[in-house]
Amino acid sequence: MRAAAIIGPQASPKGLRHGFGIANAQASIPQSLTQRWMGHARLETTGIYQNAVGSEERAFAQRAWVGQSFTSGEP
């Protein structure tokens, strides 16, 4: 963890696992694959990574607007 400069709550097995789930969600990896890779019995458990908050939520929102151009008067 020190060599990778991972500190705080993320520097734990649970933190790394959460980071993996969030990274998959941000990379649009299908939930079924993430479910299998993480060993979740239920897809609902994997779905928690799609319900990100804070900086993770902002990253999802930013991706939604990449490449969009807006001009006045258009919907």
Protein backbone atom coordinates (compact mmCIF):
# COMPACT_ATOMS: atom_id res chain seq x y z
CA MET A 1 0.00 0.00 0.00
CA ARG A 2 2.80 2.41 0.83
CA ALA A 3 4.55 1.78 -2.49
CA ALA A 4 1.32 2.55 -4.34
CA ALA A 5 0.69 5.63 -2.14
CA ILE A 6 -2.68 4.27 -1.02
CA ILE A 7 -3.54 5.68 2.39
CA GLY A 8 -6.53 6.01 4.68
CA PRO A 9 -9.61 3.79 4.52
CA GLN A 10 -8.73 2.80 0.96
CA ALA A 11 -5.60 1.07 2.28
CA SER A 12 -7.50 -2.04 3.30
CA PRO A 13 -8.87 -5.10 1.54
CA LYS A 14 -12.39 -3.64 1.78
CA GLY A 15 -11.18 -0.29 0.39
CA LEU A 16 -9.42 -1.94 -2.53
CA ARG A 17 -12.48 -4.06 -3.26
CA HIS A 18 -14.72 -0.99 -3.22
CA GLY A 19 -12.29 0.85 -5.50
CA PHE A 20 -12.37 -2.08 -7.92
CA GLY A 21 -16.17 -2.03 -8.03
CA ILE A 22 -16.31 1.73 -8.58
CA ALA A 23 -13.59 1.58 -11.26
CA ASN A 24 -15.58 -1.08 -13.10
CA ALA A 25 -18.73 1.03 -12.91
CA GLN A 26 -16.88 4.11 -14.19
CA ALA A 27 -15.40 2.06 -17.05
CA SER A 28 -18.91 0.80 -17.97
CA ILE A 29 -17.97 -2.81 -17.31
CA PRO A 30 -21.19 -4.84 -17.42
CA GLN A 31 -22.56 -5.46 -13.94
CA SER A 32 -22.77 -9.18 -14.64
CA LEU A 33 -19.00 -9.33 -15.15
CA THR A 34 -18.29 -7.27 -12.06
CA GLN A 35 -20.66 -9.53 -10.15
CA ARG A 36 -18.72 -12.61 -11.26
CA TRP A 37 -15.30 -11.05 -10.65
CA MET A 38 -16.27 -9.91 -7.16
CA GLY A 39 -18.00 -13.16 -6.28
CA HIS A 40 -21.38 -11.62 -5.50
CA ALA A 41 -24.28 -14.06 -5.36
CA ARG A 42 -26.83 -11.33 -6.14
CA LEU A 43 -26.70 -8.65 -8.84
CA GLU A 44 -28.31 -6.25 -6.35
CA THR A 45 -25.14 -6.42 -4.26
CA THR A 46 -23.04 -5.43 -7.27
CA GLY A 47 -25.51 -2.64 -8.04
CA ILE A 48 -24.31 -0.63 -5.05
CA TYR A 49 -21.34 0.47 -7.14
CA GLN A 50 -23.71 2.11 -9.61
CA ASN A 51 -25.10 4.18 -6.73
CA ALA A 52 -21.90 6.15 -6.20
CA VAL A 53 -21.80 9.45 -4.31
CA GLY A 54 -19.43 12.38 -3.96
CA SER A 55 -16.49 12.51 -6.35
CA GLU A 56 -17.49 9.16 -7.83
CA GLU A 57 -20.94 10.50 -8.67
CA ARG A 58 -19.44 13.63 -10.22
CA ALA A 59 -17.19 11.47 -12.41
CA PHE A 60 -20.24 9.61 -13.72
CA ALA A 61 -22.05 12.89 -14.41
CA GLN A 62 -19.03 14.31 -16.19
CA ARG A 63 -18.89 11.28 -18.48
CA ALA A 64 -22.53 11.86 -19.42
CA TRP A 65 -21.68 15.26 -20.87
CA VAL A 66 -18.38 14.49 -22.64
CA GLY A 67 -18.58 15.45 -26.28
CA GLN A 68 -21.88 17.28 -25.93
CA SER A 69 -22.17 20.68 -27.52
CA PHE A 70 -24.88 23.10 -26.57
CA THR A 71 -26.09 26.13 -28.47
CA SER A 72 -28.74 28.54 -27.31
CA GLY A 73 -32.23 27.88 -28.58
CA GLU A 74 -31.77 24.12 -28.94
CA PRO A 75 -33.38 21.67 -26.52
